[in-house]
Amino acid sequence: MKTKQFHLGDVLSVITGNLVSLRHVDGLYDILGFMIDAPGLMTHQIPSASLICEPVLKQRYPELVCPEMDLAVKDLLRKLVPVDYTDNAKGRKSALKILKQWLSDMMKGKYGVACSEYYEVEALEKSECKMKDPVAEACEMVGSDKLIFASR
């Protein structure tokens, strides 16, 4: 079984459904792509991949699925609400600072959840990854008449 280490923020992004990866959406692409062996995962496939990977991570790391984690995520979201995003660069910097502190607090057990900085994540077996063809899935989502197909 192929394994790879992922940061707490990447793992929690899949488990909680909130983007708390320090690498933002890149962290989500990486962990989901690794788990389902789809390094070229497309944006519209994130929900489907998450539905496959979320229960696996929850089962593997039950310590990250608890009422204390729910409270911790709510606390983070509460801290992010007052951030002024009108100046995009300043807002992102402020939000990142809050996120870094929150993840640091998680690793220190502040919320009553014992978290590691990194987690060893296993790639799923092909039989566990029932992903649709990316083009077929996009057609289902928006209709084939709204897609533009390019060829070489």
C-alpha atoms as a PDB file:
ATOM      1  CA  MET A   1       0.000   0.000   0.000  1.00  0.00           C
ATOM      2  CA  LYS A   2       1.370   3.374  -1.024  1.00  0.00           C
ATOM      3  CA  THR A   3       1.492   6.006   1.747  1.00  0.00           C
ATOM      4  CA  LYS A   4       2.442   9.654   1.996  1.00  0.00           C
ATOM      5  CA  GLN A   5       2.603  12.188   4.801  1.00  0.00           C
ATOM      6  CA  PHE A   6       0.164  15.082   4.739  1.00  0.00           C
ATOM      7  CA  HIS A   7      -0.084  18.083   7.022  1.00  0.00           C
ATOM      8  CA  LEU A   8      -2.866  18.266   9.600  1.00  0.00           C
ATOM      9  CA  GLY A   9      -4.496  21.115   7.639  1.00  0.00           C
ATOM     10  CA  ASP A  10      -4.712  18.974   4.486  1.00  0.00           C
ATOM     11  CA  VAL A  11      -6.286  16.055   6.381  1.00  0.00           C
ATOM     12  CA  LEU A  12      -8.742  18.304   8.242  1.00  0.00           C
ATOM     13  CA  SER A  13      -9.764  19.981   4.983  1.00  0.00           C
ATOM     14  CA  VAL A  14     -11.132  16.631   3.795  1.00  0.00           C
ATOM     15  CA  ILE A  15     -12.545  15.518   7.159  1.00  0.00           C
ATOM     16  CA  THR A  16     -14.284  18.777   8.104  1.00  0.00           C
ATOM     17  CA  GLY A  17     -15.222  20.084   4.669  1.00  0.00           C
ATOM     18  CA  ASN A  18     -13.564  23.415   5.535  1.00  0.00           C
ATOM     19  CA  LEU A  19     -10.464  24.516   3.653  1.00  0.00           C
ATOM     20  CA  VAL A  20      -7.918  24.744   6.484  1.00  0.00           C
ATOM     21  CA  SER A  21      -4.824  23.711   4.548  1.00  0.00           C
ATOM     22  CA  LEU A  22      -1.884  26.094   4.786  1.00  0.00           C
ATOM     23  CA  ARG A  23      -1.388  25.377   1.079  1.00  0.00           C
ATOM     24  CA  HIS A  24      -4.995  26.361   0.399  1.00  0.00           C
ATOM     25  CA  VAL A  25      -6.671  24.414  -2.393  1.00  0.00           C
ATOM     26  CA  ASP A  26      -3.318  22.923  -3.472  1.00  0.00           C
ATOM     27  CA  GLY A  27      -3.285  20.913  -0.238  1.00  0.00           C
ATOM     28  CA  LEU A  28      -6.762  19.589  -1.036  1.00  0.00           C
ATOM     29  CA  TYR A  29      -5.809  18.718  -4.632  1.00  0.00           C
ATOM     30  CA  ASP A  30      -2.701  16.897  -3.407  1.00  0.00           C
ATOM     31  CA  ILE A  31      -4.285  14.747  -0.698  1.00  0.00           C
ATOM     32  CA  LEU A  32      -7.356  13.829  -2.754  1.00  0.00           C
ATOM     33  CA  GLY A  33      -5.305  13.223  -5.906  1.00  0.00           C
ATOM     34  CA  PHE A  34      -2.909  10.995  -3.979  1.00  0.00           C
ATOM     35  CA  MET A  35      -5.645   8.997  -2.276  1.00  0.00           C
ATOM     36  CA  ILE A  36      -7.562   8.238  -5.485  1.00  0.00           C
ATOM     37  CA  ASP A  37      -4.474   8.118  -7.722  1.00  0.00           C
ATOM     38  CA  ALA A  38      -5.602  11.086  -9.806  1.00  0.00           C
ATOM     39  CA  PRO A  39      -2.716  13.566  -9.825  1.00  0.00           C
ATOM     40  CA  GLY A  40      -4.511  15.663 -12.449  1.00  0.00           C
ATOM     41  CA  LEU A  41      -7.677  16.036 -10.378  1.00  0.00           C
ATOM     42  CA  MET A  42      -9.920  18.740 -11.795  1.00  0.00           C
ATOM     43  CA  THR A  43     -11.733  21.341  -9.721  1.00  0.00           C
ATOM     44  CA  HIS A  44     -15.188  19.981 -10.473  1.00  0.00           C
ATOM     45  CA  GLN A  45     -14.040  16.549  -9.228  1.00  0.00           C
ATOM     46  CA  ILE A  46     -13.190  17.756  -5.714  1.00  0.00           C
ATOM     47  CA  PRO A  47     -16.686  17.087  -4.298  1.00  0.00           C
ATOM     48  CA  SER A  48     -16.774  13.533  -5.714  1.00  0.00           C
ATOM     49  CA  ALA A  49     -13.246  12.771  -4.547  1.00  0.00           C
ATOM     50  CA  SER A  50     -14.042  14.188  -1.111  1.00  0.00           C
ATOM     51  CA  LEU A  51     -17.079  11.919  -0.813  1.00  0.00           C
ATOM     52  CA  ILE A  52     -14.812   8.937  -1.439  1.00  0.00           C
ATOM     53  CA  CYS A  53     -11.917  10.033   0.796  1.00  0.00           C
ATOM     54  CA  GLU A  54     -13.713  11.651   3.733  1.00  0.00           C
ATOM     55  CA  PRO A  55     -15.119   8.450   5.297  1.00  0.00           C
ATOM     56  CA  VAL A  56     -11.772   6.687   4.857  1.00  0.00           C
ATOM     57  CA  LEU A  57      -9.894   9.438   6.712  1.00  0.00           C
ATOM     58  CA  LYS A  58     -12.576   9.616   9.405  1.00  0.00           C
ATOM     59  CA  GLN A  59     -12.269   5.877   9.979  1.00  0.00           C
ATOM     60  CA  ARG A  60      -8.468   6.008   9.960  1.00  0.00           C
ATOM     61  CA  TYR A  61      -8.236   9.014  12.304  1.00  0.00           C
ATOM     62  CA  PRO A  62     -11.262   8.871  14.628  1.00  0.00           C
ATOM     63  CA  GLU A  63      -9.520  11.230  17.052  1.00  0.00           C
ATOM     64  CA  LEU A  64     -10.118  13.990  14.496  1.00  0.00           C
ATOM     65  CA  VAL A  65     -13.855  13.304  14.413  1.00  0.00           C
ATOM     66  CA  CYS A  66     -15.326  14.461  17.713  1.00  0.00           C
ATOM     67  CA  PRO A  67     -17.417  17.235  19.239  1.00  0.00           C
ATOM     68  CA  GLU A  68     -14.227  19.033  20.294  1.00  0.00           C
ATOM     69  CA  MET A  69     -13.127  19.198  16.660  1.00  0.00           C
ATOM     70  CA  ASP A  70     -16.494  20.660  15.684  1.00  0.00           C
ATOM     71  CA  LEU A  71     -16.056  23.348  18.357  1.00  0.00           C
ATOM     72  CA  ALA A  72     -12.492  24.041  17.230  1.00  0.00           C
ATOM     73  CA  VAL A  73     -13.602  24.550  13.605  1.00  0.00           C
ATOM     74  CA  LYS A  74     -16.439  26.833  14.729  1.00  0.00           C
ATOM     75  CA  ASP A  75     -13.912  28.827  16.751  1.00  0.00           C
ATOM     76  CA  LEU A  76     -11.681  29.216  13.682  1.00  0.00           C
ATOM     77  CA  LEU A  77     -14.587  30.341  11.524  1.00  0.00           C
ATOM     78  CA  ARG A  78     -15.638  32.819  14.228  1.00  0.00           C
ATOM     79  CA  LYS A  79     -12.114  34.283  14.207  1.00  0.00           C
ATOM     80  CA  LEU A  80     -12.107  34.585  10.413  1.00  0.00           C
ATOM     81  CA  VAL A  81     -15.435  36.432  10.132  1.00  0.00           C
ATOM     82  CA  PRO A  82     -14.132  39.888  11.175  1.00  0.00           C
ATOM     83  CA  VAL A  83     -11.186  39.784   8.752  1.00  0.00           C
ATOM     84  CA  ASP A  84     -11.462  42.621   6.236  1.00  0.00           C
ATOM     85  CA  TYR A  85     -11.100  41.128   2.769  1.00  0.00           C
ATOM     86  CA  THR A  86     -11.623  44.395   0.846  1.00  0.00           C
ATOM     87  CA  ASP A  87      -7.838  44.626   0.519  1.00  0.00           C
ATOM     88  CA  ASN A  88      -7.328  41.106  -0.839  1.00  0.00           C
ATOM     89  CA  ALA A  89      -3.603  40.816  -0.037  1.00  0.00           C
ATOM     90  CA  LYS A  90      -3.985  42.169   3.494  1.00  0.00           C
ATOM     91  CA  GLY A  91      -7.079  40.038   4.135  1.00  0.00           C
ATOM     92  CA  ARG A  92      -5.359  36.856   2.957  1.00  0.00           C
ATOM     93  CA  LYS A  93      -2.331  37.636   5.119  1.00  0.00           C
ATOM     94  CA  SER A  94      -4.544  38.167   8.174  1.00  0.00           C
ATOM     95  CA  ALA A  95      -6.522  34.991   7.499  1.00  0.00           C
ATOM     96  CA  LEU A  96      -3.337  32.969   7.014  1.00  0.00           C
ATOM     97  CA  LYS A  97      -1.957  34.246  10.319  1.00  0.00           C
ATOM     98  CA  ILE A  98      -5.171  33.192  12.097  1.00  0.00           C
ATOM     99  CA  LEU A  99      -5.112  29.789  10.380  1.00  0.00           C
ATOM    100  CA  LYS A 100      -1.455  29.164  11.304  1.00  0.00           C
ATOM    101  CA  GLN A 101      -2.174  30.002  14.942  1.00  0.00           C
ATOM    102  CA  TRP A 102      -5.260  27.784  14.957  1.00  0.00           C
ATOM    103  CA  LEU A 103      -3.359  24.813  13.520  1.00  0.00           C
ATOM    104  CA  SER A 104      -0.558  25.400  16.028  1.00  0.00           C
ATOM    105  CA  ASP A 105      -3.144  25.412  18.827  1.00  0.00           C
ATOM    106  CA  MET A 106      -4.618  22.176  17.451  1.00  0.00           C
ATOM    107  CA  MET A 107      -1.185  20.521  17.577  1.00  0.00           C
ATOM    108  CA  LYS A 108      -0.758  21.704  21.173  1.00  0.00           C
ATOM    109  CA  GLY A 109      -4.092  20.134  22.157  1.00  0.00           C
ATOM    110  CA  LYS A 110      -5.748  23.446  23.001  1.00  0.00           C
ATOM    111  CA  TYR A 111      -9.195  22.223  22.014  1.00  0.00           C
ATOM    112  CA  GLY A 112      -8.906  18.855  23.736  1.00  0.00           C
ATOM    113  CA  VAL A 113      -8.025  17.010  20.539  1.00  0.00           C
ATOM    114  CA  ALA A 114      -4.649  15.303  20.256  1.00  0.00           C
ATOM    115  CA  CYS A 115      -3.358  16.241  16.816  1.00  0.00           C
ATOM    116  CA  SER A 116      -0.084  15.467  15.113  1.00  0.00           C
ATOM    117  CA  GLU A 117       1.496  17.840  12.633  1.00  0.00           C
ATOM    118  CA  TYR A 118       1.624  15.166   9.916  1.00  0.00           C
ATOM    119  CA  TYR A 119      -0.466  12.097   9.160  1.00  0.00           C
ATOM    120  CA  GLU A 120       0.498   9.045   7.139  1.00  0.00           C
ATOM    121  CA  VAL A 121      -2.232   8.737   4.510  1.00  0.00           C
ATOM    122  CA  GLU A 122      -2.770   5.590   2.454  1.00  0.00           C
ATOM    123  CA  ALA A 123      -3.675   5.614  -1.209  1.00  0.00           C
ATOM    124  CA  LEU A 124      -6.926   3.809  -1.874  1.00  0.00           C
ATOM    125  CA  GLU A 125      -7.240   0.632  -3.861  1.00  0.00           C
ATOM    126  CA  LYS A 126      -8.635   1.078  -7.373  1.00  0.00           C
ATOM    127  CA  SER A 127     -11.796  -0.793  -6.300  1.00  0.00           C
ATOM    128  CA  GLU A 128     -12.422   1.898  -3.640  1.00  0.00           C
ATOM    129  CA  CYS A 129     -12.138   4.784  -6.134  1.00  0.00           C
ATOM    130  CA  LYS A 130     -15.272   4.851  -8.180  1.00  0.00           C
ATOM    131  CA  MET A 131     -14.616   8.203  -9.848  1.00  0.00           C
ATOM    132  CA  LYS A 132     -16.500   9.148 -12.970  1.00  0.00           C
ATOM    133  CA  ASP A 133     -14.771  10.186 -16.154  1.00  0.00           C
ATOM    134  CA  PRO A 134     -13.962  13.892 -15.660  1.00  0.00           C
ATOM    135  CA  VAL A 135     -15.612  15.000 -18.917  1.00  0.00           C
ATOM    136  CA  ALA A 136     -18.723  12.880 -18.311  1.00  0.00           C
ATOM    137  CA  GLU A 137     -18.984  14.284 -14.789  1.00  0.00           C
ATOM    138  CA  ALA A 138     -18.687  17.868 -16.067  1.00  0.00           C
ATOM    139  CA  CYS A 139     -21.422  17.152 -18.634  1.00  0.00           C
ATOM    140  CA  GLU A 140     -23.680  15.825 -15.863  1.00  0.00           C
ATOM    141  CA  MET A 141     -23.013  18.905 -13.750  1.00  0.00           C
ATOM    142  CA  VAL A 142     -23.619  21.653 -16.308  1.00  0.00           C
ATOM    143  CA  GLY A 143     -24.865  19.938 -19.453  1.00  0.00           C
ATOM    144  CA  SER A 144     -22.816  18.990 -22.484  1.00  0.00           C
ATOM    145  CA  ASP A 145     -24.202  21.955 -24.427  1.00  0.00           C
ATOM    146  CA  LYS A 146     -22.356  24.319 -22.058  1.00  0.00           C
ATOM    147  CA  LEU A 147     -18.941  22.682 -22.415  1.00  0.00           C
ATOM    148  CA  ILE A 148     -16.415  23.635 -25.023  1.00  0.00           C
ATOM    149  CA  PHE A 149     -14.266  20.769 -26.168  1.00  0.00           C
ATOM    150  CA  ALA A 150     -10.828  21.511 -27.519  1.00  0.00           C
ATOM    151  CA  SER A 151      -8.738  19.123 -29.540  1.00  0.00           C
ATOM    152  CA  ARG A 152      -5.245  19.235 -30.940  1.00  0.00           C
END
